[in-house]
Amino acid sequence: METAAKLAAVDRYIEAFANADLNIIRALFAEDASVEDPVGTDAHIGMEAICAFYEGAMGAGAKLALTGTPRCAGNAVAFPFKVMIPGMEMDVIDVFEFNDAGKVTSMRAYWGPENSRQA
């Protein structure tokens, strides 16, 4: 997968939150993908579980903003960003892994309590 396509996926992900658009999430992720947010918690596996997870986040008013340059390697991209939810901000690094069709097969979010603060 080309670097430009990986970076475009990051941009679309941020756009999904900006517009609370689950259709973008459906387009980005493979049907059998997994989302582990944060790493160490039970993964959301499959499109319906993933959409339910993101519907909750978007319903809470979460918005995202990149805080650094995404890094691409192999079939993956890692990107730092800030999650802004009314009353709270959190610094996160997500890692997307892609299949040959360019769909996200795995999203792992790296953050912990020390990465959040009141806004």
C-alpha atoms as a PDB file:
ATOM      1  CA  MET A   1       0.000   0.000   0.000  1.00  0.00           C
ATOM      2  CA  GLU A   2       1.337   3.399  -0.961  1.00  0.00           C
ATOM      3  CA  THR A   3       2.171   5.989   1.677  1.00  0.00           C
ATOM      4  CA  ALA A   4      -0.328   8.454   0.182  1.00  0.00           C
ATOM      5  CA  ALA A   5      -3.170   5.956   0.644  1.00  0.00           C
ATOM      6  CA  LYS A   6      -2.228   5.351   4.288  1.00  0.00           C
ATOM      7  CA  LEU A   7      -2.126   9.084   4.969  1.00  0.00           C
ATOM      8  CA  ALA A   8      -5.473   9.521   3.215  1.00  0.00           C
ATOM      9  CA  ALA A   9      -6.952   6.880   5.560  1.00  0.00           C
ATOM     10  CA  VAL A  10      -5.773   8.910   8.566  1.00  0.00           C
ATOM     11  CA  ASP A  11      -7.366  12.036   7.108  1.00  0.00           C
ATOM     12  CA  ARG A  12     -10.646  10.179   6.467  1.00  0.00           C
ATOM     13  CA  TYR A  13     -10.620   8.832  10.040  1.00  0.00           C
ATOM     14  CA  ILE A  14     -10.340  12.360  11.433  1.00  0.00           C
ATOM     15  CA  GLU A  15     -13.060  13.484   9.012  1.00  0.00           C
ATOM     16  CA  ALA A  16     -15.334  10.696  10.290  1.00  0.00           C
ATOM     17  CA  PHE A  17     -15.178  12.213  13.773  1.00  0.00           C
ATOM     18  CA  ALA A  18     -15.521  15.784  12.496  1.00  0.00           C
ATOM     19  CA  ASN A  19     -18.792  14.826  10.804  1.00  0.00           C
ATOM     20  CA  ALA A  20     -19.903  11.981  13.135  1.00  0.00           C
ATOM     21  CA  ASP A  21     -20.036   9.844   9.973  1.00  0.00           C
ATOM     22  CA  LEU A  22     -20.145   6.086  10.536  1.00  0.00           C
ATOM     23  CA  ASN A  23     -20.213   5.535   6.776  1.00  0.00           C
ATOM     24  CA  ILE A  24     -16.598   6.673   6.635  1.00  0.00           C
ATOM     25  CA  ILE A  25     -15.734   4.153   9.358  1.00  0.00           C
ATOM     26  CA  ARG A  26     -17.517   1.422   7.366  1.00  0.00           C
ATOM     27  CA  ALA A  27     -15.513   2.376   4.274  1.00  0.00           C
ATOM     28  CA  LEU A  28     -12.171   2.426   6.113  1.00  0.00           C
ATOM     29  CA  PHE A  29     -12.363  -0.874   7.996  1.00  0.00           C
ATOM     30  CA  ALA A  30     -12.380  -4.465   6.730  1.00  0.00           C
ATOM     31  CA  GLU A  31     -15.457  -6.504   7.670  1.00  0.00           C
ATOM     32  CA  ASP A  32     -13.400  -8.689  10.048  1.00  0.00           C
ATOM     33  CA  ALA A  33     -11.223  -5.903  11.478  1.00  0.00           C
ATOM     34  CA  SER A  34     -10.417  -5.433  15.148  1.00  0.00           C
ATOM     35  CA  VAL A  35     -10.247  -2.277  17.259  1.00  0.00           C
ATOM     36  CA  GLU A  36      -8.360  -2.359  20.566  1.00  0.00           C
ATOM     37  CA  ASP A  37      -8.871   0.964  22.324  1.00  0.00           C
ATOM     38  CA  PRO A  38      -6.881   1.242  24.490  1.00  0.00           C
ATOM     39  CA  VAL A  39      -4.350  -1.548  24.011  1.00  0.00           C
ATOM     40  CA  GLY A  40      -4.852  -4.155  26.710  1.00  0.00           C
ATOM     41  CA  THR A  41      -8.652  -4.012  26.683  1.00  0.00           C
ATOM     42  CA  ASP A  42     -11.016  -6.392  24.919  1.00  0.00           C
ATOM     43  CA  ALA A  43     -11.009  -5.844  21.167  1.00  0.00           C
ATOM     44  CA  HIS A  44     -14.104  -4.900  19.177  1.00  0.00           C
ATOM     45  CA  ILE A  45     -14.128  -7.441  16.336  1.00  0.00           C
ATOM     46  CA  GLY A  46     -16.180  -7.206  13.160  1.00  0.00           C
ATOM     47  CA  MET A  47     -17.943  -4.304  11.500  1.00  0.00           C
ATOM     48  CA  GLU A  48     -21.004  -4.176  13.758  1.00  0.00           C
ATOM     49  CA  ALA A  49     -18.943  -4.179  16.980  1.00  0.00           C
ATOM     50  CA  ILE A  50     -16.581  -1.573  15.523  1.00  0.00           C
ATOM     51  CA  CYS A  51     -19.439   0.692  14.434  1.00  0.00           C
ATOM     52  CA  ALA A  52     -21.096   0.375  17.848  1.00  0.00           C
ATOM     53  CA  PHE A  53     -17.812   1.425  19.481  1.00  0.00           C
ATOM     54  CA  TYR A  54     -17.367   4.434  17.199  1.00  0.00           C
ATOM     55  CA  GLU A  55     -21.029   5.404  17.470  1.00  0.00           C
ATOM     56  CA  GLY A  56     -20.509   5.739  21.232  1.00  0.00           C
ATOM     57  CA  ALA A  57     -17.382   7.843  20.823  1.00  0.00           C
ATOM     58  CA  MET A  58     -18.966  10.087  18.226  1.00  0.00           C
ATOM     59  CA  GLY A  59     -22.140  10.342  20.283  1.00  0.00           C
ATOM     60  CA  ALA A  60     -20.059  11.679  23.169  1.00  0.00           C
ATOM     61  CA  GLY A  61     -18.956  14.522  20.904  1.00  0.00           C
ATOM     62  CA  ALA A  62     -15.375  13.332  20.379  1.00  0.00           C
ATOM     63  CA  LYS A  63     -13.356  15.281  17.793  1.00  0.00           C
ATOM     64  CA  LEU A  64      -9.786  14.517  16.696  1.00  0.00           C
ATOM     65  CA  ALA A  65      -6.827  16.696  15.703  1.00  0.00           C
ATOM     66  CA  LEU A  66      -3.405  15.482  14.588  1.00  0.00           C
ATOM     67  CA  THR A  67      -0.610  16.585  16.925  1.00  0.00           C
ATOM     68  CA  GLY A  68       2.297  15.312  14.844  1.00  0.00           C
ATOM     69  CA  THR A  69       3.279  13.715  11.569  1.00  0.00           C
ATOM     70  CA  PRO A  70       1.966  10.211  10.822  1.00  0.00           C
ATOM     71  CA  ARG A  71       4.666   7.548  10.371  1.00  0.00           C
ATOM     72  CA  CYS A  72       4.315   4.838   7.714  1.00  0.00           C
ATOM     73  CA  ALA A  73       6.151   1.518   7.692  1.00  0.00           C
ATOM     74  CA  GLY A  74       5.265  -1.727   5.954  1.00  0.00           C
ATOM     75  CA  ASN A  75       1.494  -2.160   5.895  1.00  0.00           C
ATOM     76  CA  ALA A  76       0.928   0.225   8.824  1.00  0.00           C
ATOM     77  CA  VAL A  77       0.647   3.869   9.821  1.00  0.00           C
ATOM     78  CA  ALA A  78       1.034   5.299  13.339  1.00  0.00           C
ATOM     79  CA  PHE A  79      -0.268   8.759  14.114  1.00  0.00           C
ATOM     80  CA  PRO A  80      -0.401  11.000  17.199  1.00  0.00           C
ATOM     81  CA  PHE A  81      -3.520  13.023  17.830  1.00  0.00           C
ATOM     82  CA  LYS A  82      -5.594  14.728  20.460  1.00  0.00           C
ATOM     83  CA  VAL A  83      -9.131  13.592  21.308  1.00  0.00           C
ATOM     84  CA  MET A  84     -11.340  16.448  22.401  1.00  0.00           C
ATOM     85  CA  ILE A  85     -14.509  15.528  24.278  1.00  0.00           C
ATOM     86  CA  PRO A  86     -16.506  18.215  26.062  1.00  0.00           C
ATOM     87  CA  GLY A  87     -14.657  18.789  29.333  1.00  0.00           C
ATOM     88  CA  MET A  88     -11.709  16.506  28.525  1.00  0.00           C
ATOM     89  CA  GLU A  89      -8.720  16.155  26.194  1.00  0.00           C
ATOM     90  CA  MET A  90      -6.564  13.083  25.687  1.00  0.00           C
ATOM     91  CA  ASP A  91      -3.307  12.437  23.801  1.00  0.00           C
ATOM     92  CA  VAL A  92      -3.402   9.208  21.795  1.00  0.00           C
ATOM     93  CA  ILE A  93      -1.310   7.307  19.264  1.00  0.00           C
ATOM     94  CA  ASP A  94      -3.232   5.015  16.932  1.00  0.00           C
ATOM     95  CA  VAL A  95      -1.728   2.333  14.716  1.00  0.00           C
ATOM     96  CA  PHE A  96      -3.627   1.133  11.655  1.00  0.00           C
ATOM     97  CA  GLU A  97      -2.628  -2.055   9.844  1.00  0.00           C
ATOM     98  CA  PHE A  98      -3.967  -2.524   6.318  1.00  0.00           C
ATOM     99  CA  ASN A  99      -4.776  -5.497   4.105  1.00  0.00           C
ATOM    100  CA  ASP A 100      -3.942  -5.745   0.399  1.00  0.00           C
ATOM    101  CA  ALA A 101      -7.279  -4.105  -0.457  1.00  0.00           C
ATOM    102  CA  GLY A 102      -6.306  -0.997   1.537  1.00  0.00           C
ATOM    103  CA  LYS A 103      -8.789  -1.616   4.355  1.00  0.00           C
ATOM    104  CA  VAL A 104      -7.857  -1.266   8.029  1.00  0.00           C
ATOM    105  CA  THR A 105      -7.633  -4.741   9.554  1.00  0.00           C
ATOM    106  CA  SER A 106      -6.374  -3.657  12.967  1.00  0.00           C
ATOM    107  CA  MET A 107      -6.553  -0.426  14.933  1.00  0.00           C
ATOM    108  CA  ARG A 108      -4.699  -0.253  18.222  1.00  0.00           C
ATOM    109  CA  ALA A 109      -4.886   2.872  20.388  1.00  0.00           C
ATOM    110  CA  TYR A 110      -2.102   3.681  22.823  1.00  0.00           C
ATOM    111  CA  TRP A 111      -3.137   5.844  25.761  1.00  0.00           C
ATOM    112  CA  GLY A 112      -3.628   5.646  29.492  1.00  0.00           C
ATOM    113  CA  PRO A 113      -5.001   7.735  32.355  1.00  0.00           C
ATOM    114  CA  GLU A 114      -1.831   9.838  32.392  1.00  0.00           C
ATOM    115  CA  ASN A 115      -2.640  11.008  28.850  1.00  0.00           C
ATOM    116  CA  SER A 116      -5.934  12.706  29.702  1.00  0.00           C
ATOM    117  CA  ARG A 117      -6.722  16.032  31.294  1.00  0.00           C
ATOM    118  CA  GLN A 118      -9.645  18.351  31.899  1.00  0.00           C
ATOM    119  CA  ALA A 119     -10.245  20.869  29.134  1.00  0.00           C
END
